[in-house]
Amino acid sequence: MRAVQATLLALSGGVGGAKLALGLYRVLPPDTLTVVANTGDDFEHLGLSISPDLDTLLYTLSRQDNPELGWGHIGETWNFMVALNGLGGETWFRLGDRDLAMHVVRTHRLRTGEGLSAIIDEFRDRFGITARILPMSDDPVRTRVLTGHLWLDFQDYFVRFRCEPEISEIAFAGATNARPHPDFLAALADPKLHAVVICPSNPFISIDPILALPGVREALQACPAPVVAVSPIIAGQAVKGPTAKMMAELGLPVDAATVARHYKDFLDLYIADEEDAEAVEDLEVPVVLARTLMRSLDDREALANTVLAAADKIRK
C-alpha cells in the first residue's frame, strides 16, 4: 500500500459527498487528495460484503457512476436480479451485474484475510484513480437506527423501508473497539496537510460514524490544517437523502447552522449556500457563502475551488 502523500483530506459518505470529492479530485494536482470514506453503511447481503459509500466514490472518481440512477455503475444490467427474483430470492437491495462483480471479488479477498483498505486501494488503481480512497477503518462498524422500540440495521432502514420509519436514536455498533486507519490519523497530524474538508454528506449517518472512531475527534481538534465543512442543507432542505427528515425526528432545527454546530468542537470554517445567509449569521466560526448545489461537473469544480480558496485564506 502507498504511503500517505495527501495535501488535502476529505471525509465523505456516498452520493452527496462524492460530488464534491470529484470536484476536488479534478482541480487538485494528481496524487494529493485522500478521501476517507464512511463504512458504517457496509453490510453483508446474500453472503456478499457490500461497501456502498466506498463503491460510490470509486465509481464517481473514475467517472463510471450511473447518472440516470444517481448511484451504481454506468451501463448497468440486471440479469442477476431477474434470475434472483425468479428463484424467490431477496430483491429489496438491487445488485447490478457489474456491481455484483465488485462485491464477489471483495468478499472472496476479505475471506482470505486481506484488509478492506488494501482491497479498495487495488480497485482504485485498476479504475485509474490517482487519489487515495481510504476506508475509515479496516474494522467493522455498523450504523443502526432506533425506530419505536426496534433497532434496524441501516440498510434495512434506508433501502428496505425507504427511510419511512421515524427514528429516535442512531448508534454505531463496533465503533468503540474499531481502530481508525493509521494513515487517516497520520494525515491529520501531518504539518504539510493543506486542509481537511468535510463533504456535504449526512452528518448523522455518513460523517458521525467516522467521528465515532476512537481518537478521531481529538485528532481533528489538534489538526494543524484548517477543518472546513460544507453544508448539506440548503434553505431548510436536504439536496438528497433523509438528512432533513432525520434532523426533524431527532428534535433538531432543520437548517444549515445546526450542521455547523454539530461540528463545532473542531470546525474552523463553514461553507453554506447563499440562500442561507440569514440562518448562519450568528455562527461562532467564519462562514463563506457560495452556490453549493452541484448539478453539473462545472458546479462540482467551482465549489471545490471555493473551498480551497477559503481554506487558503484561513491558513494565513
C-alpha atoms as a PDB file:
ATOM      1  CA  MET A   1       0.000   0.000   0.000  1.00  0.00           C
ATOM      2  CA  ARG A   2       1.220   3.507  -0.792  1.00  0.00           C
ATOM      3  CA  ALA A   3       2.482   5.902   1.850  1.00  0.00           C
ATOM      4  CA  VAL A   4       0.252   8.883   2.599  1.00  0.00           C
ATOM      5  CA  GLN A   5       1.112  11.940   0.493  1.00  0.00           C
ATOM      6  CA  ALA A   6      -2.117  13.866   0.994  1.00  0.00           C
ATOM      7  CA  THR A   7      -2.121  17.643   0.925  1.00  0.00           C
ATOM      8  CA  LEU A   8      -5.901  17.615   1.272  1.00  0.00           C
ATOM      9  CA  LEU A   9      -8.006  15.181   3.276  1.00  0.00           C
ATOM     10  CA  ALA A  10     -11.746  14.841   2.643  1.00  0.00           C
ATOM     11  CA  LEU A  11     -14.278  12.991   4.794  1.00  0.00           C
ATOM     12  CA  SER A  12     -17.185  11.645   2.772  1.00  0.00           C
ATOM     13  CA  GLY A  13     -20.216   9.442   2.653  1.00  0.00           C
ATOM     14  CA  GLY A  14     -21.802   8.339  -0.605  1.00  0.00           C
ATOM     15  CA  VAL A  15     -23.516  10.272  -3.402  1.00  0.00           C
ATOM     16  CA  GLY A  16     -23.595  13.812  -1.964  1.00  0.00           C
ATOM     17  CA  GLY A  17     -20.078  13.743  -0.603  1.00  0.00           C
ATOM     18  CA  ALA A  18     -18.750  12.054  -3.726  1.00  0.00           C
ATOM     19  CA  LYS A  19     -19.873  15.023  -5.840  1.00  0.00           C
ATOM     20  CA  LEU A  20     -17.569  17.395  -4.002  1.00  0.00           C
ATOM     21  CA  ALA A  21     -14.852  14.730  -3.817  1.00  0.00           C
ATOM     22  CA  LEU A  22     -14.951  14.588  -7.619  1.00  0.00           C
ATOM     23  CA  GLY A  23     -14.657  18.374  -7.845  1.00  0.00           C
ATOM     24  CA  LEU A  24     -11.659  18.354  -5.513  1.00  0.00           C
ATOM     25  CA  TYR A  25     -10.107  15.487  -7.446  1.00  0.00           C
ATOM     26  CA  ARG A  26     -10.384  17.380 -10.730  1.00  0.00           C
ATOM     27  CA  VAL A  27      -8.955  20.710  -9.524  1.00  0.00           C
ATOM     28  CA  LEU A  28      -6.149  19.395  -7.309  1.00  0.00           C
ATOM     29  CA  PRO A  29      -2.771  18.157  -8.599  1.00  0.00           C
ATOM     30  CA  PRO A  30      -2.606  14.370  -9.092  1.00  0.00           C
ATOM     31  CA  ASP A  31      -1.920  12.196  -6.059  1.00  0.00           C
ATOM     32  CA  THR A  32      -2.604  14.935  -3.493  1.00  0.00           C
ATOM     33  CA  LEU A  33      -6.146  14.046  -2.374  1.00  0.00           C
ATOM     34  CA  THR A  34      -7.112  11.397   0.158  1.00  0.00           C
ATOM     35  CA  VAL A  35     -10.805  10.668   0.678  1.00  0.00           C
ATOM     36  CA  VAL A  36     -11.703   8.908   3.926  1.00  0.00           C
ATOM     37  CA  ALA A  37     -14.971   7.039   3.420  1.00  0.00           C
ATOM     38  CA  ASN A  38     -17.699   6.071   5.834  1.00  0.00           C
ATOM     39  CA  THR A  39     -18.007   2.312   6.247  1.00  0.00           C
ATOM     40  CA  GLY A  40     -20.872   2.351   8.747  1.00  0.00           C
ATOM     41  CA  ASP A  41     -23.212   1.582   5.822  1.00  0.00           C
ATOM     42  CA  ASP A  42     -21.317  -1.612   4.994  1.00  0.00           C
ATOM     43  CA  PHE A  43     -23.229  -4.849   5.427  1.00  0.00           C
ATOM     44  CA  GLU A  44     -23.471  -8.451   4.305  1.00  0.00           C
ATOM     45  CA  HIS A  45     -26.234  -9.403   1.878  1.00  0.00           C
ATOM     46  CA  LEU A  46     -26.731 -12.794   0.228  1.00  0.00           C
ATOM     47  CA  GLY A  47     -23.340 -13.743   1.645  1.00  0.00           C
ATOM     48  CA  LEU A  48     -21.606 -10.798  -0.026  1.00  0.00           C
ATOM     49  CA  SER A  49     -19.675  -7.985   1.672  1.00  0.00           C
ATOM     50  CA  ILE A  50     -21.044  -4.688   0.360  1.00  0.00           C
ATOM     51  CA  SER A  51     -19.483  -1.236   0.881  1.00  0.00           C
ATOM     52  CA  PRO A  52     -21.913   1.299  -0.629  1.00  0.00           C
ATOM     53  CA  ASP A  53     -20.041   4.539   0.096  1.00  0.00           C
ATOM     54  CA  LEU A  54     -16.636   3.206  -0.925  1.00  0.00           C
ATOM     55  CA  ASP A  55     -18.061   1.877  -4.184  1.00  0.00           C
ATOM     56  CA  THR A  56     -19.836   5.162  -4.899  1.00  0.00           C
ATOM     57  CA  LEU A  57     -16.537   7.002  -4.528  1.00  0.00           C
ATOM     58  CA  LEU A  58     -14.769   4.513  -6.797  1.00  0.00           C
ATOM     59  CA  TYR A  59     -17.419   4.838  -9.485  1.00  0.00           C
ATOM     60  CA  THR A  60     -17.663   8.630  -9.169  1.00  0.00           C
ATOM     61  CA  LEU A  61     -13.959   9.450  -9.237  1.00  0.00           C
ATOM     62  CA  SER A  62     -13.403   7.095 -12.186  1.00  0.00           C
ATOM     63  CA  ARG A  63     -16.442   8.638 -13.955  1.00  0.00           C
ATOM     64  CA  GLN A  64     -18.170   5.249 -14.063  1.00  0.00           C
ATOM     65  CA  ASP A  65     -21.120   6.297 -11.900  1.00  0.00           C
ATOM     66  CA  ASN A  66     -24.659   5.942 -13.219  1.00  0.00           C
ATOM     67  CA  PRO A  67     -26.122   9.410 -13.955  1.00  0.00           C
ATOM     68  CA  GLU A  68     -29.619   8.047 -14.528  1.00  0.00           C
ATOM     69  CA  LEU A  69     -29.982   6.277 -11.183  1.00  0.00           C
ATOM     70  CA  GLY A  70     -27.708   8.576  -9.200  1.00  0.00           C
ATOM     71  CA  TRP A  71     -25.987   5.504  -7.748  1.00  0.00           C
ATOM     72  CA  GLY A  72     -24.312   2.344  -9.019  1.00  0.00           C
ATOM     73  CA  HIS A  73     -22.334   1.655 -12.188  1.00  0.00           C
ATOM     74  CA  ILE A  74     -22.955   3.250 -15.578  1.00  0.00           C
ATOM     75  CA  GLY A  75     -24.375   0.927 -18.219  1.00  0.00           C
ATOM     76  CA  GLU A  76     -25.636  -1.427 -15.550  1.00  0.00           C
ATOM     77  CA  THR A  77     -27.656  -4.512 -16.451  1.00  0.00           C
ATOM     78  CA  TRP A  78     -29.932  -6.517 -14.167  1.00  0.00           C
ATOM     79  CA  ASN A  79     -29.841 -10.145 -15.298  1.00  0.00           C
ATOM     80  CA  PHE A  80     -28.815 -11.345 -11.853  1.00  0.00           C
ATOM     81  CA  MET A  81     -31.780  -9.595 -10.210  1.00  0.00           C
ATOM     82  CA  VAL A  82     -34.217 -11.054 -12.740  1.00  0.00           C
ATOM     83  CA  ALA A  83     -32.858 -14.545 -12.103  1.00  0.00           C
ATOM     84  CA  LEU A  84     -32.836 -13.965  -8.334  1.00  0.00           C
ATOM     85  CA  ASN A  85     -36.466 -12.890  -8.387  1.00  0.00           C
ATOM     86  CA  GLY A  86     -37.376 -15.979 -10.378  1.00  0.00           C
ATOM     87  CA  LEU A  87     -35.852 -18.123  -7.647  1.00  0.00           C
ATOM     88  CA  GLY A  88     -37.736 -16.320  -4.888  1.00  0.00           C
ATOM     89  CA  GLY A  89     -34.621 -14.606  -3.529  1.00  0.00           C
ATOM     90  CA  GLU A  90     -34.450 -11.298  -1.679  1.00  0.00           C
ATOM     91  CA  THR A  91     -34.618  -8.453  -4.195  1.00  0.00           C
ATOM     92  CA  TRP A  92     -35.126  -5.427  -1.931  1.00  0.00           C
ATOM     93  CA  PHE A  93     -31.444  -4.474  -2.312  1.00  0.00           C
ATOM     94  CA  ARG A  94     -30.688  -4.167  -6.015  1.00  0.00           C
ATOM     95  CA  LEU A  95     -27.399  -5.650  -7.196  1.00  0.00           C
ATOM     96  CA  GLY A  96     -26.499  -4.836 -10.775  1.00  0.00           C
ATOM     97  CA  ASP A  97     -24.406  -7.280 -12.778  1.00  0.00           C
ATOM     98  CA  ARG A  98     -21.344  -5.005 -12.922  1.00  0.00           C
ATOM     99  CA  ASP A  99     -21.715  -4.038  -9.288  1.00  0.00           C
ATOM    100  CA  LEU A 100     -22.023  -7.697  -8.350  1.00  0.00           C
ATOM    101  CA  ALA A 101     -18.516  -8.392  -9.635  1.00  0.00           C
ATOM    102  CA  MET A 102     -17.123  -5.843  -7.176  1.00  0.00           C
ATOM    103  CA  HIS A 103     -18.916  -7.494  -4.254  1.00  0.00           C
ATOM    104  CA  VAL A 104     -17.856 -11.008  -5.235  1.00  0.00           C
ATOM    105  CA  VAL A 105     -14.164 -10.101  -5.536  1.00  0.00           C
ATOM    106  CA  ARG A 106     -14.188  -8.064  -2.300  1.00  0.00           C
ATOM    107  CA  THR A 107     -15.924 -10.855  -0.378  1.00  0.00           C
ATOM    108  CA  HIS A 108     -13.502 -13.507  -1.591  1.00  0.00           C
ATOM    109  CA  ARG A 109     -10.457 -11.427  -0.720  1.00  0.00           C
ATOM    110  CA  LEU A 110     -11.779 -10.457   2.717  1.00  0.00           C
ATOM    111  CA  ARG A 111     -12.334 -14.127   3.478  1.00  0.00           C
ATOM    112  CA  THR A 112      -8.731 -14.905   2.582  1.00  0.00           C
ATOM    113  CA  GLY A 113      -7.629 -12.435   5.245  1.00  0.00           C
ATOM    114  CA  GLU A 114      -6.917  -9.249   3.278  1.00  0.00           C
ATOM    115  CA  GLY A 115      -7.851  -5.924   4.807  1.00  0.00           C
ATOM    116  CA  LEU A 116     -10.565  -3.786   3.254  1.00  0.00           C
ATOM    117  CA  SER A 117      -8.209  -0.857   2.688  1.00  0.00           C
ATOM    118  CA  ALA A 118      -5.757  -2.980   0.683  1.00  0.00           C
ATOM    119  CA  ILE A 119      -8.584  -4.305  -1.483  1.00  0.00           C
ATOM    120  CA  ILE A 120     -10.010  -0.833  -2.122  1.00  0.00           C
ATOM    121  CA  ASP A 121      -6.550   0.514  -2.928  1.00  0.00           C
ATOM    122  CA  GLU A 122      -6.135  -2.093  -5.656  1.00  0.00           C
ATOM    123  CA  PHE A 123      -9.636  -1.363  -7.010  1.00  0.00           C
ATOM    124  CA  ARG A 124      -8.722   2.344  -7.072  1.00  0.00           C
ATOM    125  CA  ASP A 125      -5.574   1.599  -9.042  1.00  0.00           C
ATOM    126  CA  ARG A 126      -7.433  -0.616 -11.518  1.00  0.00           C
ATOM    127  CA  PHE A 127     -10.006   2.158 -12.008  1.00  0.00           C
ATOM    128  CA  GLY A 128      -7.205   4.617 -12.853  1.00  0.00           C
ATOM    129  CA  ILE A 129      -7.857   6.864  -9.848  1.00  0.00           C
ATOM    130  CA  THR A 130      -4.791   8.752  -8.571  1.00  0.00           C
ATOM    131  CA  ALA A 131      -6.481   9.986  -5.388  1.00  0.00           C
ATOM    132  CA  ARG A 132      -6.351   7.766  -2.334  1.00  0.00           C
ATOM    133  CA  ILE A 133      -9.685   6.282  -1.213  1.00  0.00           C
ATOM    134  CA  LEU A 134      -9.349   5.082   2.343  1.00  0.00           C
ATOM    135  CA  PRO A 135     -11.927   3.225   4.466  1.00  0.00           C
ATOM    136  CA  MET A 136     -12.257   4.949   7.828  1.00  0.00           C
ATOM    137  CA  SER A 137     -11.239   1.639   9.439  1.00  0.00           C
ATOM    138  CA  ASP A 138     -10.450  -1.925   8.489  1.00  0.00           C
ATOM    139  CA  ASP A 139     -12.517  -2.999  11.494  1.00  0.00           C
ATOM    140  CA  PRO A 140     -16.294  -3.410  11.133  1.00  0.00           C
ATOM    141  CA  VAL A 141     -18.577  -0.583  12.275  1.00  0.00           C
ATOM    142  CA  ARG A 142     -22.304  -0.848  11.626  1.00  0.00           C
ATOM    143  CA  THR A 143     -24.807   2.007  11.738  1.00  0.00           C
ATOM    144  CA  ARG A 144     -28.145   1.191  13.364  1.00  0.00           C
ATOM    145  CA  VAL A 145     -31.235   3.338  13.954  1.00  0.00           C
ATOM    146  CA  LEU A 146     -33.887   3.079  16.659  1.00  0.00           C
ATOM    147  CA  THR A 147     -37.449   3.162  15.286  1.00  0.00           C
ATOM    148  CA  GLY A 148     -40.022   2.917  18.035  1.00  0.00           C
ATOM    149  CA  HIS A 149     -38.733   0.045  20.186  1.00  0.00           C
ATOM    150  CA  LEU A 150     -36.963  -1.681  17.288  1.00  0.00           C
ATOM    151  CA  TRP A 151     -33.329  -1.275  16.265  1.00  0.00           C
ATOM    152  CA  LEU A 152     -32.853  -1.570  12.496  1.00  0.00           C
ATOM    153  CA  ASP A 153     -29.657  -2.167  10.579  1.00  0.00           C
ATOM    154  CA  PHE A 154     -29.015   0.852   8.407  1.00  0.00           C
ATOM    155  CA  GLN A 155     -29.643  -0.753   5.020  1.00  0.00           C
ATOM    156  CA  ASP A 156     -32.953  -2.162   6.244  1.00  0.00           C
ATOM    157  CA  TYR A 157     -33.990   1.341   7.262  1.00  0.00           C
ATOM    158  CA  PHE A 158     -32.513   3.100   4.243  1.00  0.00           C
ATOM    159  CA  VAL A 159     -33.329   0.703   1.403  1.00  0.00           C
ATOM    160  CA  ARG A 160     -35.813  -1.935   2.536  1.00  0.00           C
ATOM    161  CA  PHE A 161     -38.075   0.567   4.355  1.00  0.00           C
ATOM    162  CA  ARG A 162     -37.045   3.637   2.292  1.00  0.00           C
ATOM    163  CA  CYS A 163     -36.364   5.780   5.380  1.00  0.00           C
ATOM    164  CA  GLU A 164     -40.071   5.748   6.236  1.00  0.00           C
ATOM    165  CA  PRO A 165     -39.895   4.737   9.954  1.00  0.00           C
ATOM    166  CA  GLU A 166     -39.422   7.592  12.408  1.00  0.00           C
ATOM    167  CA  ILE A 167     -36.114   7.421  14.214  1.00  0.00           C
ATOM    168  CA  SER A 168     -35.206   8.494  17.743  1.00  0.00           C
ATOM    169  CA  GLU A 169     -31.588   7.388  18.083  1.00  0.00           C
ATOM    170  CA  ILE A 170     -28.570   6.396  15.975  1.00  0.00           C
ATOM    171  CA  ALA A 171     -25.803   4.064  17.113  1.00  0.00           C
ATOM    172  CA  PHE A 172     -22.557   2.789  15.603  1.00  0.00           C
ATOM    173  CA  ALA A 173     -22.048  -0.810  16.641  1.00  0.00           C
ATOM    174  CA  GLY A 174     -18.378  -1.714  16.973  1.00  0.00           C
ATOM    175  CA  ALA A 175     -17.101   1.871  16.799  1.00  0.00           C
ATOM    176  CA  THR A 176     -15.607   1.984  20.292  1.00  0.00           C
ATOM    177  CA  ASN A 177     -13.402  -1.017  19.537  1.00  0.00           C
ATOM    178  CA  ALA A 178     -12.592  -0.130  15.925  1.00  0.00           C
ATOM    179  CA  ARG A 179      -9.241   1.396  15.014  1.00  0.00           C
ATOM    180  CA  PRO A 180      -9.153   4.377  12.669  1.00  0.00           C
ATOM    181  CA  HIS A 181      -6.973   3.562   9.707  1.00  0.00           C
ATOM    182  CA  PRO A 182      -3.439   4.581  10.750  1.00  0.00           C
ATOM    183  CA  ASP A 183      -2.901   6.507   7.515  1.00  0.00           C
ATOM    184  CA  PHE A 184      -6.005   8.559   8.325  1.00  0.00           C
ATOM    185  CA  LEU A 185      -4.616   9.622  11.703  1.00  0.00           C
ATOM    186  CA  ALA A 186      -1.159  10.176  10.205  1.00  0.00           C
ATOM    187  CA  ALA A 187      -2.582  12.520   7.580  1.00  0.00           C
ATOM    188  CA  LEU A 188      -4.441  14.542  10.233  1.00  0.00           C
ATOM    189  CA  ALA A 189      -1.183  15.072  12.124  1.00  0.00           C
ATOM    190  CA  ASP A 190       0.915  15.906   9.051  1.00  0.00           C
ATOM    191  CA  PRO A 191       2.161  19.530   9.213  1.00  0.00           C
ATOM    192  CA  LYS A 192       2.123  19.612   5.385  1.00  0.00           C
ATOM    193  CA  LEU A 193      -1.619  18.944   5.233  1.00  0.00           C
ATOM    194  CA  HIS A 194      -3.345  21.807   3.426  1.00  0.00           C
ATOM    195  CA  ALA A 195      -6.886  21.338   4.759  1.00  0.00           C
ATOM    196  CA  VAL A 196      -9.486  18.861   5.942  1.00  0.00           C
ATOM    197  CA  VAL A 197     -12.782  19.079   4.068  1.00  0.00           C
ATOM    198  CA  ILE A 198     -15.972  17.562   5.449  1.00  0.00           C
ATOM    199  CA  CYS A 199     -18.028  16.941   2.341  1.00  0.00           C
ATOM    200  CA  PRO A 200     -21.782  17.728   2.238  1.00  0.00           C
ATOM    201  CA  SER A 201     -22.756  14.251   3.380  1.00  0.00           C
ATOM    202  CA  ASN A 202     -25.388  13.432   6.003  1.00  0.00           C
ATOM    203  CA  PRO A 203     -23.716  14.449   9.303  1.00  0.00           C
ATOM    204  CA  PHE A 204     -25.524  11.800  11.337  1.00  0.00           C
ATOM    205  CA  ILE A 205     -25.127   8.654   9.230  1.00  0.00           C
ATOM    206  CA  SER A 206     -22.186   9.438   6.936  1.00  0.00           C
ATOM    207  CA  ILE A 207     -19.791  11.615   8.951  1.00  0.00           C
ATOM    208  CA  ASP A 208     -20.646  10.662  12.548  1.00  0.00           C
ATOM    209  CA  PRO A 209     -19.520   7.030  12.073  1.00  0.00           C
ATOM    210  CA  ILE A 210     -16.071   8.401  11.183  1.00  0.00           C
ATOM    211  CA  LEU A 211     -16.117  10.756  14.156  1.00  0.00           C
ATOM    212  CA  ALA A 212     -17.186   7.915  16.464  1.00  0.00           C
ATOM    213  CA  LEU A 213     -13.867   6.103  15.995  1.00  0.00           C
ATOM    214  CA  PRO A 214     -11.523   6.438  18.979  1.00  0.00           C
ATOM    215  CA  GLY A 215      -9.209   9.429  18.676  1.00  0.00           C
ATOM    216  CA  VAL A 216     -10.676  10.966  15.516  1.00  0.00           C
ATOM    217  CA  ARG A 217     -12.374  13.984  17.115  1.00  0.00           C
ATOM    218  CA  GLU A 218      -9.253  14.668  19.169  1.00  0.00           C
ATOM    219  CA  ALA A 219      -7.102  14.400  16.041  1.00  0.00           C
ATOM    220  CA  LEU A 220      -9.349  16.864  14.218  1.00  0.00           C
ATOM    221  CA  GLN A 221      -9.147  19.281  17.153  1.00  0.00           C
ATOM    222  CA  ALA A 222      -5.357  19.068  17.139  1.00  0.00           C
ATOM    223  CA  CYS A 223      -5.014  19.075  13.347  1.00  0.00           C
ATOM    224  CA  PRO A 224      -2.567  21.759  12.155  1.00  0.00           C
ATOM    225  CA  ALA A 225      -4.613  22.329   8.987  1.00  0.00           C
ATOM    226  CA  PRO A 226      -7.967  24.147   8.882  1.00  0.00           C
ATOM    227  CA  VAL A 227     -11.065  21.969   9.066  1.00  0.00           C
ATOM    228  CA  VAL A 228     -13.705  23.135   6.589  1.00  0.00           C
ATOM    229  CA  ALA A 229     -17.242  21.733   6.372  1.00  0.00           C
ATOM    230  CA  VAL A 230     -19.688  22.186   3.501  1.00  0.00           C
ATOM    231  CA  SER A 231     -23.368  22.315   4.399  1.00  0.00           C
ATOM    232  CA  PRO A 232     -25.618  19.520   3.098  1.00  0.00           C
ATOM    233  CA  ILE A 233     -28.675  21.700   3.837  1.00  0.00           C
ATOM    234  CA  ILE A 234     -29.961  24.425   1.506  1.00  0.00           C
ATOM    235  CA  ALA A 235     -32.861  26.611   2.644  1.00  0.00           C
ATOM    236  CA  GLY A 236     -34.043  24.049   5.173  1.00  0.00           C
ATOM    237  CA  GLN A 237     -33.943  21.114   2.758  1.00  0.00           C
ATOM    238  CA  ALA A 238     -31.509  18.314   2.067  1.00  0.00           C
ATOM    239  CA  VAL A 239     -30.314  18.107  -1.508  1.00  0.00           C
ATOM    240  CA  LYS A 240     -30.593  14.327  -1.388  1.00  0.00           C
ATOM    241  CA  GLY A 241     -31.437  11.660   1.171  1.00  0.00           C
ATOM    242  CA  PRO A 242     -33.037  11.712   4.624  1.00  0.00           C
ATOM    243  CA  THR A 243     -30.869  14.367   6.328  1.00  0.00           C
ATOM    244  CA  ALA A 244     -33.682  16.889   6.893  1.00  0.00           C
ATOM    245  CA  LYS A 245     -36.146  14.180   7.967  1.00  0.00           C
ATOM    246  CA  MET A 246     -33.649  12.781  10.458  1.00  0.00           C
ATOM    247  CA  MET A 247     -32.901  16.205  11.902  1.00  0.00           C
ATOM    248  CA  ALA A 248     -36.575  16.885  12.491  1.00  0.00           C
ATOM    249  CA  GLU A 249     -37.147  13.484  14.106  1.00  0.00           C
ATOM    250  CA  LEU A 250     -34.126  13.953  16.365  1.00  0.00           C
ATOM    251  CA  GLY A 251     -35.576  17.259  17.547  1.00  0.00           C
ATOM    252  CA  LEU A 252     -33.026  19.451  15.780  1.00  0.00           C
ATOM    253  CA  PRO A 253     -33.712  22.640  13.797  1.00  0.00           C
ATOM    254  CA  VAL A 254     -33.546  21.815  10.094  1.00  0.00           C
ATOM    255  CA  ASP A 255     -31.137  24.470   8.922  1.00  0.00           C
ATOM    256  CA  ALA A 256     -27.545  24.937   7.855  1.00  0.00           C
ATOM    257  CA  ALA A 257     -26.499  26.378  11.218  1.00  0.00           C
ATOM    258  CA  THR A 258     -27.424  23.146  13.016  1.00  0.00           C
ATOM    259  CA  VAL A 259     -24.915  21.207  10.922  1.00  0.00           C
ATOM    260  CA  ALA A 260     -22.144  23.709  11.679  1.00  0.00           C
ATOM    261  CA  ARG A 261     -22.868  23.459  15.408  1.00  0.00           C
ATOM    262  CA  HIS A 262     -22.768  19.671  15.129  1.00  0.00           C
ATOM    263  CA  TYR A 263     -19.081  20.025  14.185  1.00  0.00           C
ATOM    264  CA  LYS A 264     -18.335  22.963  16.498  1.00  0.00           C
ATOM    265  CA  ASP A 265     -15.621  21.294  18.598  1.00  0.00           C
ATOM    266  CA  PHE A 266     -13.210  21.078  15.653  1.00  0.00           C
ATOM    267  CA  LEU A 267     -14.632  23.290  12.877  1.00  0.00           C
ATOM    268  CA  ASP A 268     -12.553  26.252  11.622  1.00  0.00           C
ATOM    269  CA  LEU A 269     -14.641  27.360   8.616  1.00  0.00           C
ATOM    270  CA  TYR A 270     -18.116  26.671   7.250  1.00  0.00           C
ATOM    271  CA  ILE A 271     -19.286  26.846   3.630  1.00  0.00           C
ATOM    272  CA  ALA A 272     -23.028  27.496   3.409  1.00  0.00           C
ATOM    273  CA  ASP A 273     -25.312  28.166   0.487  1.00  0.00           C
ATOM    274  CA  GLU A 274     -26.072  31.749  -0.493  1.00  0.00           C
ATOM    275  CA  GLU A 275     -29.725  31.125   0.368  1.00  0.00           C
ATOM    276  CA  ASP A 276     -28.760  30.509   3.993  1.00  0.00           C
ATOM    277  CA  ALA A 277     -27.056  33.823   4.741  1.00  0.00           C
ATOM    278  CA  GLU A 278     -29.555  34.706   7.473  1.00  0.00           C
ATOM    279  CA  ALA A 279     -29.546  31.224   9.021  1.00  0.00           C
ATOM    280  CA  VAL A 280     -25.774  31.231   9.589  1.00  0.00           C
ATOM    281  CA  GLU A 281     -25.183  34.870  10.507  1.00  0.00           C
ATOM    282  CA  ASP A 282     -24.792  34.135  14.250  1.00  0.00           C
ATOM    283  CA  LEU A 283     -22.373  31.221  13.985  1.00  0.00           C
ATOM    284  CA  GLU A 284     -19.191  31.446  16.020  1.00  0.00           C
ATOM    285  CA  VAL A 285     -16.996  30.198  13.163  1.00  0.00           C
ATOM    286  CA  PRO A 286     -16.177  32.064   9.937  1.00  0.00           C
ATOM    287  CA  VAL A 287     -18.678  31.448   7.141  1.00  0.00           C
ATOM    288  CA  VAL A 288     -18.251  31.651   3.376  1.00  0.00           C
ATOM    289  CA  LEU A 289     -21.411  31.803   1.269  1.00  0.00           C
ATOM    290  CA  ALA A 290     -21.412  30.077  -2.109  1.00  0.00           C
ATOM    291  CA  ARG A 291     -23.571  28.170  -4.552  1.00  0.00           C
ATOM    292  CA  THR A 292     -23.438  24.715  -3.015  1.00  0.00           C
ATOM    293  CA  LEU A 293     -25.976  22.909  -5.236  1.00  0.00           C
ATOM    294  CA  MET A 294     -23.894  20.696  -7.548  1.00  0.00           C
ATOM    295  CA  ARG A 295     -25.956  19.823 -10.622  1.00  0.00           C
ATOM    296  CA  SER A 296     -23.113  19.731 -13.137  1.00  0.00           C
ATOM    297  CA  LEU A 297     -19.427  18.926 -13.302  1.00  0.00           C
ATOM    298  CA  ASP A 298     -18.719  22.654 -13.517  1.00  0.00           C
ATOM    299  CA  ASP A 299     -20.658  23.134 -10.270  1.00  0.00           C
ATOM    300  CA  ARG A 300     -18.555  20.493  -8.537  1.00  0.00           C
ATOM    301  CA  GLU A 301     -15.312  22.090  -9.671  1.00  0.00           C
ATOM    302  CA  ALA A 302     -16.495  25.607  -8.791  1.00  0.00           C
ATOM    303  CA  LEU A 303     -17.444  24.587  -5.259  1.00  0.00           C
ATOM    304  CA  ALA A 304     -14.153  22.734  -4.863  1.00  0.00           C
ATOM    305  CA  ASN A 305     -12.243  25.863  -5.872  1.00  0.00           C
ATOM    306  CA  THR A 306     -14.301  27.925  -3.415  1.00  0.00           C
ATOM    307  CA  VAL A 307     -13.472  25.500  -0.601  1.00  0.00           C
ATOM    308  CA  LEU A 308      -9.760  25.541  -1.421  1.00  0.00           C
ATOM    309  CA  ALA A 309      -9.623  29.334  -1.688  1.00  0.00           C
ATOM    310  CA  ALA A 310     -11.442  29.715   1.633  1.00  0.00           C
ATOM    311  CA  ALA A 311      -9.038  27.281   3.301  1.00  0.00           C
ATOM    312  CA  ASP A 312      -6.084  29.242   1.905  1.00  0.00           C
ATOM    313  CA  LYS A 313      -7.354  32.460   3.492  1.00  0.00           C
ATOM    314  CA  ILE A 314      -7.889  30.949   6.906  1.00  0.00           C
ATOM    315  CA  ARG A 315      -4.363  29.498   6.898  1.00  0.00           C
ATOM    316  CA  LYS A 316      -2.869  32.988   6.602  1.00  0.00           C
END
